[in-house]
Amino acid sequence: MKATAHKMLRMAQYGTKHPHAASRVESFREHPACELVGVYEPDPARRRELELDEGGPYAGVRWFESAAELLEDGSIVGVASEGANDESLDQTEAIIRAGKHCWYDKPPGEDWGQWQRVVALAAERGLLIQMGNMLRYHPAFRTVAGWARSGFLGDVFKIRADMSKSSPSKEDYP
């Protein structure tokens, strides 16, 4: 779906416990083609904490009272899955089952079989799942990790790595 001046992408967020969750809300608020519809946080204590933070990234957001309220809103086209790592895969599955595109922060949970089923369901329904690069499953990364574990590389005592990225400025958005 292409956003135009007349049709904003209505986005929401499910969960707030992932380390990148606050930046997703900020992205939705700041992007000129997006409208942040609201946030659902299943943990009442966490929600209260965020509601009381008047200067924080969640200040003034609409809070959904239930997952169903978010997922059954037909005007929402995409949802950021931002729960803690042990809850986000189930949340992502619910998002895909509800027929919404998903912005999903890694890792994709702890159940590889479930993750594969969610990806297959998204493909079957023509839905997108956007996720950052997961090098841990890349064949070259697995080979080097195997060498390190086997002792082939000697006594590995330090690893230094860098993943550079280029992010457009707000003026570069379409």
N, C-alpha and C. Protein backbone atom coordinates (compact mmCIF):
# COMPACT_ATOMS: atom_id res chain seq x y z
N MET A 1 0.85 -1.17 0.00
CA MET A 1 0.00 0.00 0.00
C MET A 1 0.89 1.23 0.00
N LYS A 2 0.64 2.16 -0.90
CA LYS A 2 1.43 3.38 -0.99
C LYS A 2 0.68 4.48 -0.24
N ALA A 3 1.38 5.12 0.66
CA ALA A 3 0.77 6.21 1.42
C ALA A 3 0.74 7.46 0.56
N THR A 4 -0.33 8.20 0.65
CA THR A 4 -0.44 9.47 -0.05
C THR A 4 -0.83 10.52 0.97
N ALA A 5 -0.92 11.75 0.50
CA ALA A 5 -1.32 12.83 1.40
C ALA A 5 -2.72 12.59 1.94
N HIS A 6 -3.52 11.79 1.23
CA HIS A 6 -4.90 11.55 1.65
C HIS A 6 -5.08 10.26 2.44
N LYS A 7 -4.11 9.37 2.36
CA LYS A 7 -4.27 8.06 3.01
C LYS A 7 -3.01 7.77 3.83
N MET A 8 -3.10 7.93 5.13
CA MET A 8 -1.98 7.63 6.02
C MET A 8 -1.96 6.14 6.31
N LEU A 9 -0.77 5.60 6.57
CA LEU A 9 -0.64 4.22 7.02
C LEU A 9 -0.97 4.20 8.50
N ARG A 10 -2.04 3.53 8.85
CA ARG A 10 -2.45 3.46 10.26
C ARG A 10 -1.71 2.29 10.91
N MET A 11 -0.87 2.61 11.87
CA MET A 11 0.02 1.65 12.51
C MET A 11 -0.27 1.60 14.01
N ALA A 12 0.05 0.48 14.62
CA ALA A 12 -0.10 0.31 16.06
C ALA A 12 1.09 -0.49 16.59
N GLN A 13 1.16 -0.60 17.90
CA GLN A 13 2.25 -1.36 18.51
C GLN A 13 1.66 -2.33 19.53
N TYR A 14 2.18 -3.57 19.51
CA TYR A 14 1.76 -4.62 20.43
C TYR A 14 2.96 -4.92 21.31
N GLY A 15 2.88 -4.54 22.58
CA GLY A 15 3.97 -4.75 23.53
C GLY A 15 4.90 -3.56 23.59
N THR A 16 5.62 -3.48 24.73
CA THR A 16 6.52 -2.34 24.95
C THR A 16 7.84 -2.76 25.60
N LYS A 17 8.05 -4.05 25.81
CA LYS A 17 9.20 -4.48 26.60
C LYS A 17 10.47 -4.75 25.79
N HIS A 18 10.40 -4.74 24.46
CA HIS A 18 11.61 -4.93 23.66
C HIS A 18 12.46 -3.66 23.76
N PRO A 19 13.79 -3.79 23.78
CA PRO A 19 14.63 -2.60 23.89
C PRO A 19 14.42 -1.55 22.80
N HIS A 20 13.88 -1.93 21.63
CA HIS A 20 13.64 -0.97 20.55
C HIS A 20 12.21 -0.44 20.53
N ALA A 21 11.40 -0.84 21.49
CA ALA A 21 9.97 -0.50 21.45
C ALA A 21 9.73 1.01 21.42
N ALA A 22 10.40 1.74 22.25
CA ALA A 22 10.17 3.19 22.31
C ALA A 22 10.52 3.86 20.99
N SER A 23 11.57 3.39 20.34
CA SER A 23 11.94 4.01 19.06
C SER A 23 10.93 3.70 17.97
N ARG A 24 10.20 2.58 18.07
CA ARG A 24 9.16 2.28 17.08
C ARG A 24 8.01 3.27 17.21
N VAL A 25 7.59 3.53 18.44
CA VAL A 25 6.53 4.51 18.67
C VAL A 25 6.96 5.87 18.12
N GLU A 26 8.19 6.24 18.39
CA GLU A 26 8.70 7.52 17.89
C GLU A 26 8.73 7.53 16.36
N SER A 27 9.12 6.41 15.75
CA SER A 27 9.14 6.34 14.28
C SER A 27 7.74 6.54 13.71
N PHE A 28 6.76 5.88 14.29
CA PHE A 28 5.39 6.02 13.80
C PHE A 28 4.88 7.44 13.98
N ARG A 29 5.23 8.06 15.10
CA ARG A 29 4.78 9.43 15.36
C ARG A 29 5.43 10.44 14.41
N GLU A 30 6.69 10.20 14.09
CA GLU A 30 7.44 11.18 13.32
C GLU A 30 7.33 11.01 11.81
N HIS A 31 7.06 9.81 11.33
CA HIS A 31 7.03 9.58 9.89
C HIS A 31 5.80 10.25 9.28
N PRO A 32 5.99 11.07 8.25
CA PRO A 32 4.85 11.82 7.69
C PRO A 32 3.81 10.95 7.00
N ALA A 33 4.11 9.70 6.69
CA ALA A 33 3.14 8.82 6.04
C ALA A 33 2.44 7.89 7.02
N CYS A 34 2.77 7.99 8.31
CA CYS A 34 2.19 7.08 9.31
C CYS A 34 1.33 7.82 10.31
N GLU A 35 0.34 7.11 10.79
CA GLU A 35 -0.48 7.58 11.90
C GLU A 35 -0.42 6.51 12.99
N LEU A 36 0.07 6.88 14.16
CA LEU A 36 0.09 5.95 15.28
C LEU A 36 -1.31 5.89 15.87
N VAL A 37 -1.96 4.73 15.74
CA VAL A 37 -3.33 4.57 16.21
C VAL A 37 -3.34 4.30 17.71
N GLY A 38 -2.38 3.49 18.19
CA GLY A 38 -2.33 3.19 19.61
C GLY A 38 -1.39 2.07 19.92
N VAL A 39 -1.32 1.75 21.21
CA VAL A 39 -0.40 0.75 21.75
C VAL A 39 -1.17 -0.17 22.67
N TYR A 40 -0.87 -1.46 22.59
CA TYR A 40 -1.41 -2.40 23.57
C TYR A 40 -0.25 -3.03 24.33
N GLU A 41 -0.29 -2.92 25.65
CA GLU A 41 0.69 -3.55 26.53
C GLU A 41 -0.07 -4.50 27.44
N PRO A 42 0.18 -5.83 27.32
CA PRO A 42 -0.57 -6.80 28.12
C PRO A 42 -0.25 -6.80 29.61
N ASP A 43 0.88 -6.24 30.01
CA ASP A 43 1.27 -6.22 31.42
C ASP A 43 0.77 -4.92 32.05
N PRO A 44 -0.25 -5.00 32.92
CA PRO A 44 -0.84 -3.78 33.50
C PRO A 44 0.18 -2.92 34.27
N ALA A 45 1.11 -3.55 34.96
CA ALA A 45 2.11 -2.78 35.71
C ALA A 45 3.02 -2.00 34.76
N ARG A 46 3.42 -2.64 33.69
CA ARG A 46 4.26 -1.95 32.69
C ARG A 46 3.49 -0.80 32.05
N ARG A 47 2.23 -1.04 31.72
CA ARG A 47 1.43 0.03 31.12
C ARG A 47 1.32 1.22 32.07
N ARG A 48 1.03 0.97 33.34
CA ARG A 48 0.92 2.06 34.32
C ARG A 48 2.22 2.85 34.39
N GLU A 49 3.34 2.14 34.41
CA GLU A 49 4.66 2.78 34.45
C GLU A 49 4.82 3.74 33.26
N LEU A 50 4.45 3.30 32.07
CA LEU A 50 4.61 4.13 30.88
C LEU A 50 3.60 5.28 30.84
N GLU A 51 2.40 5.03 31.33
CA GLU A 51 1.39 6.09 31.37
C GLU A 51 1.81 7.23 32.31
N LEU A 52 2.52 6.88 33.39
CA LEU A 52 2.95 7.89 34.36
C LEU A 52 4.17 8.68 33.91
N ASP A 53 4.87 8.21 32.91
CA ASP A 53 6.07 8.87 32.40
C ASP A 53 5.63 9.95 31.40
N GLU A 54 5.27 11.13 31.94
CA GLU A 54 4.68 12.20 31.12
C GLU A 54 5.62 12.74 30.05
N GLY A 55 6.92 12.60 30.23
CA GLY A 55 7.86 13.10 29.24
C GLY A 55 8.43 12.01 28.35
N GLY A 56 7.96 10.78 28.53
CA GLY A 56 8.52 9.65 27.81
C GLY A 56 7.91 9.47 26.43
N PRO A 57 8.41 8.49 25.69
CA PRO A 57 7.96 8.28 24.32
C PRO A 57 6.50 7.85 24.20
N TYR A 58 5.92 7.34 25.27
CA TYR A 58 4.53 6.89 25.22
C TYR A 58 3.55 7.94 25.74
N ALA A 59 4.06 9.11 26.10
CA ALA A 59 3.19 10.17 26.62
C ALA A 59 2.10 10.50 25.60
N GLY A 60 0.86 10.44 26.06
CA GLY A 60 -0.26 10.83 25.21
C GLY A 60 -0.73 9.81 24.20
N VAL A 61 -0.14 8.61 24.19
CA VAL A 61 -0.61 7.61 23.22
C VAL A 61 -1.97 7.06 23.66
N ARG A 62 -2.71 6.57 22.70
CA ARG A 62 -3.94 5.85 22.99
C ARG A 62 -3.54 4.44 23.41
N TRP A 63 -4.08 3.97 24.51
CA TRP A 63 -3.81 2.61 24.98
C TRP A 63 -5.02 1.74 24.67
N PHE A 64 -4.79 0.66 23.94
CA PHE A 64 -5.84 -0.32 23.70
C PHE A 64 -6.06 -1.09 24.99
N GLU A 65 -7.31 -1.44 25.26
CA GLU A 65 -7.65 -2.17 26.48
C GLU A 65 -7.42 -3.67 26.34
N SER A 66 -7.33 -4.16 25.10
CA SER A 66 -7.12 -5.59 24.87
C SER A 66 -6.41 -5.79 23.54
N ALA A 67 -5.83 -6.97 23.39
CA ALA A 67 -5.21 -7.32 22.11
C ALA A 67 -6.28 -7.35 21.03
N ALA A 68 -7.45 -7.86 21.35
CA ALA A 68 -8.53 -7.95 20.37
C ALA A 68 -8.91 -6.57 19.85
N GLU A 69 -8.95 -5.58 20.72
CA GLU A 69 -9.29 -4.22 20.29
C GLU A 69 -8.31 -3.73 19.21
N LEU A 70 -7.04 -4.01 19.40
CA LEU A 70 -6.02 -3.64 18.41
C LEU A 70 -6.16 -4.50 17.16
N LEU A 71 -6.18 -5.81 17.33
CA LEU A 71 -6.12 -6.74 16.20
C LEU A 71 -7.39 -6.73 15.35
N GLU A 72 -8.52 -6.39 15.93
CA GLU A 72 -9.77 -6.39 15.18
C GLU A 72 -10.08 -5.06 14.52
N ASP A 73 -9.22 -4.07 14.70
CA ASP A 73 -9.41 -2.77 14.06
C ASP A 73 -8.98 -2.88 12.61
N GLY A 74 -9.94 -2.95 11.71
CA GLY A 74 -9.67 -3.13 10.29
C GLY A 74 -8.95 -1.97 9.63
N SER A 75 -8.89 -0.83 10.27
CA SER A 75 -8.21 0.32 9.67
C SER A 75 -6.70 0.28 9.89
N ILE A 76 -6.23 -0.56 10.81
CA ILE A 76 -4.80 -0.67 11.10
C ILE A 76 -4.19 -1.64 10.10
N VAL A 77 -3.19 -1.17 9.34
CA VAL A 77 -2.58 -2.02 8.31
C VAL A 77 -1.33 -2.74 8.79
N GLY A 78 -0.66 -2.18 9.79
CA GLY A 78 0.58 -2.78 10.27
C GLY A 78 0.74 -2.58 11.76
N VAL A 79 1.46 -3.55 12.38
CA VAL A 79 1.67 -3.51 13.82
C VAL A 79 3.12 -3.84 14.11
N ALA A 80 3.73 -3.06 14.98
CA ALA A 80 5.07 -3.37 15.47
C ALA A 80 4.94 -4.35 16.61
N SER A 81 5.64 -5.46 16.52
CA SER A 81 5.64 -6.47 17.58
C SER A 81 6.82 -6.17 18.49
N GLU A 82 6.53 -5.63 19.67
CA GLU A 82 7.58 -5.10 20.54
C GLU A 82 7.53 -5.67 21.96
N GLY A 83 7.03 -6.89 22.09
CA GLY A 83 7.03 -7.53 23.40
C GLY A 83 8.43 -8.01 23.77
N ALA A 84 8.57 -8.47 25.00
CA ALA A 84 9.82 -9.09 25.44
C ALA A 84 10.07 -10.32 24.57
N ASN A 85 11.32 -10.74 24.50
CA ASN A 85 11.68 -11.86 23.62
C ASN A 85 10.86 -13.12 23.88
N ASP A 86 10.45 -13.35 25.12
CA ASP A 86 9.70 -14.57 25.41
C ASP A 86 8.20 -14.45 25.13
N GLU A 87 7.73 -13.28 24.71
CA GLU A 87 6.32 -13.12 24.40
C GLU A 87 6.07 -12.64 22.96
N SER A 88 7.10 -12.16 22.29
CA SER A 88 6.89 -11.50 21.01
C SER A 88 6.51 -12.44 19.87
N LEU A 89 6.95 -13.68 19.87
CA LEU A 89 6.59 -14.58 18.78
C LEU A 89 5.10 -14.88 18.79
N ASP A 90 4.53 -15.11 19.96
CA ASP A 90 3.08 -15.32 20.04
C ASP A 90 2.33 -14.06 19.61
N GLN A 91 2.84 -12.90 19.99
CA GLN A 91 2.22 -11.64 19.59
C GLN A 91 2.29 -11.48 18.07
N THR A 92 3.44 -11.81 17.49
CA THR A 92 3.60 -11.70 16.05
C THR A 92 2.66 -12.65 15.32
N GLU A 93 2.52 -13.84 15.83
CA GLU A 93 1.58 -14.79 15.22
C GLU A 93 0.16 -14.23 15.24
N ALA A 94 -0.22 -13.62 16.35
CA ALA A 94 -1.56 -13.03 16.45
C ALA A 94 -1.74 -11.89 15.45
N ILE A 95 -0.69 -11.10 15.26
CA ILE A 95 -0.73 -9.99 14.30
C ILE A 95 -0.94 -10.52 12.89
N ILE A 96 -0.17 -11.53 12.51
CA ILE A 96 -0.30 -12.11 11.17
C ILE A 96 -1.66 -12.78 11.01
N ARG A 97 -2.12 -13.50 12.01
CA ARG A 97 -3.44 -14.15 11.93
C ARG A 97 -4.56 -13.11 11.78
N ALA A 98 -4.32 -11.91 12.31
CA ALA A 98 -5.31 -10.84 12.19
C ALA A 98 -5.26 -10.15 10.83
N GLY A 99 -4.30 -10.56 9.98
CA GLY A 99 -4.23 -10.01 8.64
C GLY A 99 -3.50 -8.69 8.52
N LYS A 100 -2.55 -8.47 9.42
CA LYS A 100 -1.82 -7.20 9.41
C LYS A 100 -0.34 -7.44 9.11
N HIS A 101 0.27 -6.47 8.42
CA HIS A 101 1.71 -6.51 8.21
C HIS A 101 2.38 -6.31 9.55
N CYS A 102 3.62 -6.78 9.67
CA CYS A 102 4.29 -6.76 10.98
C CYS A 102 5.71 -6.23 10.87
N TRP A 103 6.04 -5.31 11.75
CA TRP A 103 7.40 -4.82 11.96
C TRP A 103 7.86 -5.54 13.22
N TYR A 104 8.77 -6.47 13.06
CA TYR A 104 9.12 -7.39 14.15
C TYR A 104 10.58 -7.25 14.51
N ASP A 105 10.83 -6.90 15.75
CA ASP A 105 12.22 -6.81 16.20
C ASP A 105 12.74 -8.19 16.55
N LYS A 106 13.99 -8.42 16.22
CA LYS A 106 14.63 -9.70 16.48
C LYS A 106 14.95 -9.83 17.96
N PRO A 107 15.15 -11.00 18.45
CA PRO A 107 15.12 -12.30 17.76
C PRO A 107 13.68 -12.76 17.57
N PRO A 108 13.46 -13.68 16.62
CA PRO A 108 12.09 -14.14 16.34
C PRO A 108 11.62 -15.21 17.32
N GLY A 109 11.76 -14.97 18.59
CA GLY A 109 11.31 -15.92 19.59
C GLY A 109 12.28 -17.07 19.80
N GLU A 110 11.80 -18.09 20.47
CA GLU A 110 12.66 -19.23 20.81
C GLU A 110 12.14 -20.55 20.25
N ASP A 111 11.14 -20.49 19.38
CA ASP A 111 10.56 -21.70 18.80
C ASP A 111 10.69 -21.61 17.29
N TRP A 112 11.76 -22.22 16.76
CA TRP A 112 12.04 -22.13 15.33
C TRP A 112 10.89 -22.66 14.48
N GLY A 113 10.26 -23.72 14.90
CA GLY A 113 9.13 -24.28 14.15
C GLY A 113 7.97 -23.31 14.09
N GLN A 114 7.64 -22.68 15.22
CA GLN A 114 6.56 -21.71 15.24
C GLN A 114 6.90 -20.52 14.33
N TRP A 115 8.15 -20.05 14.40
CA TRP A 115 8.57 -18.94 13.56
C TRP A 115 8.40 -19.29 12.08
N GLN A 116 8.79 -20.48 11.69
CA GLN A 116 8.65 -20.90 10.30
C GLN A 116 7.17 -20.95 9.89
N ARG A 117 6.30 -21.39 10.80
CA ARG A 117 4.86 -21.42 10.51
C ARG A 117 4.30 -20.00 10.35
N VAL A 118 4.77 -19.07 11.18
CA VAL A 118 4.30 -17.68 11.08
C VAL A 118 4.74 -17.08 9.75
N VAL A 119 5.98 -17.32 9.36
CA VAL A 119 6.49 -16.81 8.08
C VAL A 119 5.68 -17.40 6.92
N ALA A 120 5.41 -18.69 6.98
CA ALA A 120 4.63 -19.34 5.91
C ALA A 120 3.21 -18.77 5.85
N LEU A 121 2.60 -18.54 7.00
CA LEU A 121 1.26 -17.97 7.04
C LEU A 121 1.25 -16.56 6.45
N ALA A 122 2.26 -15.76 6.79
CA ALA A 122 2.35 -14.41 6.23
C ALA A 122 2.47 -14.47 4.71
N ALA A 123 3.32 -15.36 4.22
CA ALA A 123 3.49 -15.50 2.76
C ALA A 123 2.19 -15.93 2.10
N GLU A 124 1.50 -16.89 2.72
CA GLU A 124 0.23 -17.39 2.18
C GLU A 124 -0.81 -16.28 2.09
N ARG A 125 -0.78 -15.36 3.06
CA ARG A 125 -1.79 -14.28 3.10
C ARG A 125 -1.31 -12.99 2.43
N GLY A 126 -0.10 -13.01 1.88
CA GLY A 126 0.42 -11.82 1.21
C GLY A 126 0.79 -10.70 2.17
N LEU A 127 1.20 -11.08 3.38
CA LEU A 127 1.57 -10.09 4.39
C LEU A 127 3.09 -10.00 4.50
N LEU A 128 3.56 -8.83 4.87
CA LEU A 128 4.99 -8.60 5.04
C LEU A 128 5.37 -8.66 6.50
N ILE A 129 6.54 -9.26 6.76
CA ILE A 129 7.16 -9.19 8.08
C ILE A 129 8.51 -8.53 7.86
N GLN A 130 8.71 -7.38 8.46
CA GLN A 130 9.97 -6.66 8.35
C GLN A 130 10.79 -6.97 9.59
N MET A 131 12.02 -7.43 9.38
CA MET A 131 12.89 -7.75 10.51
C MET A 131 14.32 -7.38 10.15
N GLY A 132 15.07 -6.99 11.13
CA GLY A 132 16.48 -6.70 10.91
C GLY A 132 17.25 -7.95 10.54
N ASN A 133 18.42 -7.77 10.05
CA ASN A 133 19.29 -8.87 9.61
C ASN A 133 19.66 -9.77 10.79
N MET A 134 19.45 -11.04 10.63
CA MET A 134 19.78 -12.02 11.66
C MET A 134 20.99 -12.83 11.21
N LEU A 135 22.16 -12.40 11.58
CA LEU A 135 23.37 -13.09 11.15
C LEU A 135 23.59 -14.43 11.82
N ARG A 136 22.96 -14.66 12.95
CA ARG A 136 23.25 -15.91 13.68
C ARG A 136 22.89 -17.15 12.88
N TYR A 137 21.99 -17.03 11.90
CA TYR A 137 21.61 -18.18 11.08
C TYR A 137 22.31 -18.20 9.72
N HIS A 138 23.11 -17.20 9.44
CA HIS A 138 23.83 -17.14 8.17
C HIS A 138 24.90 -18.23 8.14
N PRO A 139 25.04 -18.98 7.02
CA PRO A 139 26.01 -20.09 6.96
C PRO A 139 27.44 -19.67 7.31
N ALA A 140 27.89 -18.52 6.86
CA ALA A 140 29.26 -18.09 7.17
C ALA A 140 29.43 -17.83 8.67
N PHE A 141 28.44 -17.21 9.28
CA PHE A 141 28.50 -16.94 10.72
C PHE A 141 28.52 -18.26 11.49
N ARG A 142 27.68 -19.20 11.10
CA ARG A 142 27.62 -20.50 11.79
C ARG A 142 28.94 -21.26 11.64
N THR A 143 29.57 -21.15 10.47
CA THR A 143 30.86 -21.82 10.25
C THR A 143 31.92 -21.25 11.19
N VAL A 144 32.02 -19.93 11.24
CA VAL A 144 33.02 -19.29 12.10
C VAL A 144 32.73 -19.60 13.57
N ALA A 145 31.46 -19.57 13.96
CA ALA A 145 31.11 -19.90 15.35
C ALA A 145 31.51 -21.35 15.66
N GLY A 146 31.30 -22.25 14.73
CA GLY A 146 31.72 -23.65 14.91
C GLY A 146 33.22 -23.78 15.06
N TRP A 147 33.96 -23.03 14.24
CA TRP A 147 35.43 -23.04 14.36
C TRP A 147 35.85 -22.56 15.75
N ALA A 148 35.21 -21.49 16.23
CA ALA A 148 35.57 -20.95 17.55
C ALA A 148 35.26 -21.96 18.65
N ARG A 149 34.10 -22.59 18.59
CA ARG A 149 33.71 -23.57 19.62
C ARG A 149 34.60 -24.82 19.59
N SER A 150 35.04 -25.20 18.41
CA SER A 150 35.83 -26.43 18.28
C SER A 150 37.30 -26.25 18.68
N GLY A 151 37.74 -25.01 18.81
CA GLY A 151 39.15 -24.75 19.11
C GLY A 151 40.00 -24.53 17.87
N PHE A 152 39.42 -24.68 16.70
CA PHE A 152 40.15 -24.50 15.44
C PHE A 152 40.82 -23.12 15.36
N LEU A 153 40.19 -22.10 15.96
CA LEU A 153 40.74 -20.74 15.93
C LEU A 153 41.64 -20.45 17.12
N GLY A 154 41.87 -21.45 17.94
CA GLY A 154 42.69 -21.22 19.13
C GLY A 154 41.83 -20.77 20.29
N ASP A 155 42.44 -20.08 21.23
CA ASP A 155 41.75 -19.58 22.42
C ASP A 155 41.18 -18.20 22.11
N VAL A 156 39.93 -18.14 21.72
CA VAL A 156 39.29 -16.86 21.39
C VAL A 156 38.93 -16.17 22.70
N PHE A 157 39.52 -15.02 22.94
CA PHE A 157 39.29 -14.30 24.19
C PHE A 157 38.58 -12.98 23.97
N LYS A 158 38.46 -12.54 22.70
CA LYS A 158 37.78 -11.28 22.44
C LYS A 158 37.29 -11.28 20.99
N ILE A 159 36.10 -10.70 20.82
CA ILE A 159 35.54 -10.52 19.48
C ILE A 159 35.13 -9.06 19.38
N ARG A 160 35.50 -8.44 18.28
CA ARG A 160 35.10 -7.06 18.01
C ARG A 160 34.37 -7.05 16.68
N ALA A 161 33.21 -6.45 16.65
CA ALA A 161 32.42 -6.43 15.42
C ALA A 161 31.72 -5.09 15.27
N ASP A 162 31.32 -4.81 14.05
CA ASP A 162 30.61 -3.57 13.77
C ASP A 162 29.62 -3.83 12.64
N MET A 163 28.41 -3.38 12.81
CA MET A 163 27.42 -3.43 11.74
C MET A 163 27.03 -1.99 11.43
N SER A 164 27.59 -1.45 10.39
CA SER A 164 27.29 -0.08 10.01
C SER A 164 25.94 -0.03 9.30
N LYS A 165 25.29 1.09 9.43
CA LYS A 165 24.03 1.29 8.73
C LYS A 165 23.90 2.76 8.39
N SER A 166 23.10 3.03 7.40
CA SER A 166 22.82 4.39 6.99
C SER A 166 21.33 4.61 7.14
N SER A 167 20.95 5.59 7.93
CA SER A 167 19.54 5.90 8.12
C SER A 167 19.23 7.24 7.49
N PRO A 168 18.16 7.32 6.71
CA PRO A 168 17.82 8.60 6.09
C PRO A 168 17.35 9.60 7.12
N SER A 169 17.55 10.86 6.83
CA SER A 169 17.03 11.90 7.70
C SER A 169 15.54 12.02 7.47
N LYS A 170 14.85 12.74 8.35
CA LYS A 170 13.42 12.91 8.21
C LYS A 170 13.06 13.59 6.89
N GLU A 171 13.95 14.44 6.38
CA GLU A 171 13.70 15.14 5.12
C GLU A 171 13.75 14.18 3.93
N ASP A 172 14.37 13.01 4.08
CA ASP A 172 14.48 12.05 2.99
C ASP A 172 13.27 11.14 2.84
N TYR A 173 12.32 11.20 3.77
CA TYR A 173 11.14 10.35 3.68
C TYR A 173 10.30 10.75 2.48
N PRO A 174 9.62 9.79 1.88
CA PRO A 174 8.76 10.13 0.73
C PRO A 174 7.58 10.97 1.17
